[in-house]
Amino acid sequence: MANLTITVDDEVLKRARIRALQQGTSVNALLAEHLRAFAGEDDTQARATRSLLALAEQNTAAGGRSRAEQRAGRRWNRNELHERRGS
């Protein structure tokens, strides 16, 4: 485990220690937890991005059509898409 040295205003550190004590923990534990969560965000975001890109590839491979459209083989032409009822 690595050590980390930071510079913090004395008054801020004093208030942080009091608040940590009220929560039954330490400033060190709070900072360590925050850093773990912060570091994990990158992993979560990277997984979400990869998942979204894979979904986009699947959609492109399917011609941008929904699964129901793929099964039905239905394709709309421009006139059908812009057709107005009652005109």
N, C-alpha and C. Protein backbone atom coordinates (compact mmCIF):
# COMPACT_ATOMS: atom_id res chain seq x y z
N MET A 1 0.85 -1.17 0.00
CA MET A 1 0.00 0.00 0.00
C MET A 1 0.90 1.24 0.00
N ALA A 2 0.55 2.25 -0.79
CA ALA A 2 1.35 3.46 -0.91
C ALA A 2 0.88 4.53 0.06
N ASN A 3 1.79 5.40 0.42
CA ASN A 3 1.45 6.57 1.24
C ASN A 3 1.26 7.76 0.32
N LEU A 4 0.41 8.69 0.74
CA LEU A 4 0.12 9.89 -0.03
C LEU A 4 0.22 11.09 0.89
N THR A 5 0.94 12.10 0.46
CA THR A 5 1.05 13.33 1.24
C THR A 5 0.30 14.43 0.51
N ILE A 6 -0.60 15.10 1.22
CA ILE A 6 -1.35 16.20 0.62
C ILE A 6 -1.21 17.44 1.50
N THR A 7 -1.48 18.57 0.91
CA THR A 7 -1.45 19.83 1.66
C THR A 7 -2.87 20.34 1.79
N VAL A 8 -3.29 20.57 3.03
CA VAL A 8 -4.65 21.01 3.31
C VAL A 8 -4.58 22.14 4.33
N ASP A 9 -5.47 23.09 4.18
CA ASP A 9 -5.56 24.18 5.13
C ASP A 9 -5.81 23.63 6.54
N ASP A 10 -5.15 24.18 7.53
CA ASP A 10 -5.27 23.68 8.91
C ASP A 10 -6.71 23.65 9.39
N GLU A 11 -7.45 24.70 9.12
CA GLU A 11 -8.84 24.78 9.58
C GLU A 11 -9.71 23.74 8.88
N VAL A 12 -9.48 23.52 7.62
CA VAL A 12 -10.23 22.50 6.87
C VAL A 12 -9.95 21.11 7.45
N LEU A 13 -8.69 20.82 7.72
CA LEU A 13 -8.33 19.53 8.30
C LEU A 13 -8.95 19.35 9.68
N LYS A 14 -8.96 20.41 10.48
CA LYS A 14 -9.55 20.34 11.82
C LYS A 14 -11.04 20.01 11.72
N ARG A 15 -11.75 20.69 10.83
CA ARG A 15 -13.20 20.42 10.67
C ARG A 15 -13.44 19.02 10.12
N ALA A 16 -12.56 18.58 9.20
CA ALA A 16 -12.70 17.24 8.63
C ALA A 16 -12.49 16.17 9.69
N ARG A 17 -11.51 16.38 10.57
CA ARG A 17 -11.26 15.41 11.64
C ARG A 17 -12.45 15.32 12.59
N ILE A 18 -13.02 16.46 12.93
CA ILE A 18 -14.19 16.48 13.82
C ILE A 18 -15.36 15.75 13.16
N ARG A 19 -15.60 16.05 11.91
CA ARG A 19 -16.72 15.42 11.20
C ARG A 19 -16.49 13.91 11.06
N ALA A 20 -15.27 13.51 10.74
CA ALA A 20 -14.95 12.09 10.63
C ALA A 20 -15.16 11.39 11.97
N LEU A 21 -14.72 12.02 13.05
CA LEU A 21 -14.89 11.46 14.38
C LEU A 21 -16.38 11.28 14.69
N GLN A 22 -17.21 12.25 14.32
CA GLN A 22 -18.66 12.15 14.53
C GLN A 22 -19.25 10.97 13.75
N GLN A 23 -18.63 10.64 12.62
CA GLN A 23 -19.11 9.53 11.79
C GLN A 23 -18.44 8.21 12.15
N GLY A 24 -17.57 8.25 13.16
CA GLY A 24 -16.93 7.03 13.61
C GLY A 24 -15.85 6.52 12.66
N THR A 25 -15.19 7.42 11.98
CA THR A 25 -14.15 7.03 11.04
C THR A 25 -12.99 8.01 11.13
N SER A 26 -12.10 7.97 10.17
CA SER A 26 -10.96 8.89 10.16
C SER A 26 -10.89 9.61 8.82
N VAL A 27 -10.16 10.70 8.81
CA VAL A 27 -9.96 11.44 7.56
C VAL A 27 -9.24 10.53 6.56
N ASN A 28 -8.27 9.77 7.03
CA ASN A 28 -7.55 8.86 6.16
C ASN A 28 -8.50 7.85 5.51
N ALA A 29 -9.39 7.26 6.29
CA ALA A 29 -10.34 6.28 5.75
C ALA A 29 -11.30 6.93 4.75
N LEU A 30 -11.74 8.14 5.05
CA LEU A 30 -12.63 8.85 4.14
C LEU A 30 -11.95 9.15 2.80
N LEU A 31 -10.71 9.62 2.87
CA LEU A 31 -9.97 9.92 1.65
C LEU A 31 -9.68 8.65 0.85
N ALA A 32 -9.32 7.57 1.54
CA ALA A 32 -9.05 6.32 0.85
C ALA A 32 -10.30 5.82 0.13
N GLU A 33 -11.45 5.90 0.79
CA GLU A 33 -12.70 5.47 0.15
C GLU A 33 -13.04 6.35 -1.04
N HIS A 34 -12.85 7.64 -0.89
CA HIS A 34 -13.12 8.55 -2.01
C HIS A 34 -12.22 8.23 -3.20
N LEU A 35 -10.95 7.96 -2.96
CA LEU A 35 -10.02 7.63 -4.04
C LEU A 35 -10.37 6.30 -4.71
N ARG A 36 -10.82 5.31 -3.89
CA ARG A 36 -11.24 4.04 -4.48
C ARG A 36 -12.44 4.25 -5.40
N ALA A 37 -13.41 5.02 -4.95
CA ALA A 37 -14.60 5.29 -5.77
C ALA A 37 -14.22 6.08 -7.02
N PHE A 38 -13.35 7.07 -6.85
CA PHE A 38 -12.91 7.89 -7.97
C PHE A 38 -12.18 7.04 -9.01
N ALA A 39 -11.32 6.17 -8.58
CA ALA A 39 -10.56 5.31 -9.49
C ALA A 39 -11.48 4.31 -10.18
N GLY A 40 -12.50 3.85 -9.48
CA GLY A 40 -13.44 2.89 -10.05
C GLY A 40 -14.34 3.50 -11.09
N GLU A 41 -14.58 4.80 -11.03
CA GLU A 41 -15.44 5.47 -12.01
C GLU A 41 -14.90 5.28 -13.42
N ASP A 42 -13.61 5.36 -13.58
CA ASP A 42 -13.01 5.19 -14.91
C ASP A 42 -13.32 3.81 -15.47
N ASP A 43 -13.21 2.78 -14.62
CA ASP A 43 -13.50 1.42 -15.06
C ASP A 43 -14.97 1.28 -15.46
N THR A 44 -15.85 1.82 -14.65
CA THR A 44 -17.29 1.74 -14.93
C THR A 44 -17.61 2.49 -16.21
N GLN A 45 -17.05 3.66 -16.36
CA GLN A 45 -17.32 4.46 -17.56
C GLN A 45 -16.76 3.76 -18.80
N ALA A 46 -15.59 3.17 -18.69
CA ALA A 46 -14.99 2.46 -19.83
C ALA A 46 -15.85 1.26 -20.23
N ARG A 47 -16.35 0.51 -19.24
CA ARG A 47 -17.22 -0.63 -19.55
C ARG A 47 -18.51 -0.16 -20.23
N ALA A 48 -19.08 0.92 -19.73
CA ALA A 48 -20.32 1.45 -20.31
C ALA A 48 -20.08 1.91 -21.75
N THR A 49 -18.94 2.54 -21.99
CA THR A 49 -18.61 3.01 -23.33
C THR A 49 -18.45 1.82 -24.28
N ARG A 50 -17.73 0.79 -23.83
CA ARG A 50 -17.55 -0.40 -24.68
C ARG A 50 -18.89 -1.06 -24.98
N SER A 51 -19.76 -1.12 -23.99
CA SER A 51 -21.08 -1.72 -24.18
C SER A 51 -21.91 -0.92 -25.19
N LEU A 52 -21.86 0.39 -25.07
CA LEU A 52 -22.60 1.26 -25.99
C LEU A 52 -22.07 1.12 -27.41
N LEU A 53 -20.75 1.06 -27.57
CA LEU A 53 -20.16 0.89 -28.90
C LEU A 53 -20.55 -0.46 -29.51
N ALA A 54 -20.58 -1.51 -28.70
CA ALA A 54 -20.98 -2.83 -29.19
C ALA A 54 -22.44 -2.81 -29.64
N LEU A 55 -23.29 -2.13 -28.88
CA LEU A 55 -24.70 -2.00 -29.25
C LEU A 55 -24.84 -1.23 -30.55
N ALA A 56 -24.06 -0.17 -30.72
CA ALA A 56 -24.10 0.61 -31.96
C ALA A 56 -23.66 -0.24 -33.15
N GLU A 57 -22.63 -1.08 -32.96
CA GLU A 57 -22.18 -1.96 -34.03
C GLU A 57 -23.27 -2.96 -34.42
N GLN A 58 -23.95 -3.51 -33.42
CA GLN A 58 -25.03 -4.45 -33.69
C GLN A 58 -26.14 -3.77 -34.48
N ASN A 59 -26.46 -2.55 -34.10
CA ASN A 59 -27.51 -1.79 -34.78
C ASN A 59 -27.11 -1.50 -36.23
N THR A 60 -25.85 -1.13 -36.43
CA THR A 60 -25.36 -0.85 -37.78
C THR A 60 -25.39 -2.12 -38.63
N ALA A 61 -24.98 -3.24 -38.03
CA ALA A 61 -24.99 -4.51 -38.76
C ALA A 61 -26.41 -4.91 -39.14
N ALA A 62 -27.39 -4.49 -38.34
CA ALA A 62 -28.78 -4.82 -38.63
C ALA A 62 -29.42 -3.80 -39.57
N GLY A 63 -28.64 -2.88 -40.07
CA GLY A 63 -29.18 -1.89 -40.99
C GLY A 63 -29.97 -0.81 -40.29
N GLY A 64 -29.80 -0.68 -38.98
CA GLY A 64 -30.49 0.37 -38.23
C GLY A 64 -31.95 0.06 -37.97
N ARG A 65 -32.37 -1.17 -38.27
CA ARG A 65 -33.77 -1.54 -38.08
C ARG A 65 -33.98 -2.21 -36.73
N SER A 66 -35.19 -2.12 -36.20
CA SER A 66 -35.50 -2.78 -34.94
C SER A 66 -35.56 -4.29 -35.16
N ARG A 67 -35.54 -5.04 -34.08
CA ARG A 67 -35.60 -6.50 -34.20
C ARG A 67 -36.90 -6.94 -34.86
N ALA A 68 -38.01 -6.29 -34.50
CA ALA A 68 -39.29 -6.65 -35.10
C ALA A 68 -39.26 -6.40 -36.61
N GLU A 69 -38.66 -5.29 -37.02
CA GLU A 69 -38.55 -5.00 -38.45
C GLU A 69 -37.63 -6.00 -39.14
N GLN A 70 -36.57 -6.41 -38.45
CA GLN A 70 -35.66 -7.38 -39.04
C GLN A 70 -36.38 -8.70 -39.29
N ARG A 71 -37.18 -9.12 -38.30
CA ARG A 71 -37.90 -10.39 -38.44
C ARG A 71 -38.94 -10.31 -39.53
N ALA A 72 -39.65 -9.18 -39.58
CA ALA A 72 -40.73 -9.02 -40.55
C ALA A 72 -40.18 -8.72 -41.94
N GLY A 73 -38.94 -8.25 -42.01
CA GLY A 73 -38.36 -7.91 -43.31
C GLY A 73 -38.96 -6.64 -43.90
N ARG A 74 -39.67 -5.88 -43.09
CA ARG A 74 -40.35 -4.67 -43.56
C ARG A 74 -39.38 -3.52 -43.67
N ARG A 75 -39.42 -2.83 -44.80
CA ARG A 75 -38.63 -1.62 -45.01
C ARG A 75 -39.57 -0.55 -45.53
N TRP A 76 -39.50 0.62 -44.99
CA TRP A 76 -40.34 1.74 -45.40
C TRP A 76 -39.62 2.53 -46.48
N ASN A 77 -40.39 3.04 -47.44
CA ASN A 77 -39.78 3.94 -48.40
C ASN A 77 -40.11 5.38 -48.01
N ARG A 78 -39.49 6.32 -48.65
CA ARG A 78 -39.63 7.74 -48.28
C ARG A 78 -41.08 8.20 -48.36
N ASN A 79 -41.80 7.82 -49.41
CA ASN A 79 -43.19 8.26 -49.57
C ASN A 79 -44.08 7.72 -48.46
N GLU A 80 -43.85 6.46 -48.06
CA GLU A 80 -44.65 5.90 -46.97
C GLU A 80 -44.38 6.61 -45.65
N LEU A 81 -43.14 6.99 -45.41
CA LEU A 81 -42.79 7.67 -44.18
C LEU A 81 -43.41 9.06 -44.10
N HIS A 82 -43.58 9.71 -45.24
CA HIS A 82 -44.09 11.09 -45.25
C HIS A 82 -45.56 11.16 -45.65
N GLU A 83 -46.18 10.01 -45.83
CA GLU A 83 -47.60 9.97 -46.22
C GLU A 83 -48.45 10.51 -45.09
N ARG A 84 -49.42 11.32 -45.43
CA ARG A 84 -50.33 11.89 -44.44
C ARG A 84 -51.72 11.33 -44.66
N ARG A 85 -52.35 10.97 -43.58
CA ARG A 85 -53.71 10.43 -43.68
C ARG A 85 -54.69 11.56 -43.98
N GLY A 86 -55.70 11.26 -44.77
CA GLY A 86 -56.75 12.22 -45.05
C GLY A 86 -56.36 13.28 -46.05
N SER A 87 -55.18 13.20 -46.64
CA SER A 87 -54.75 14.21 -47.62
C SER A 87 -55.06 13.76 -49.01
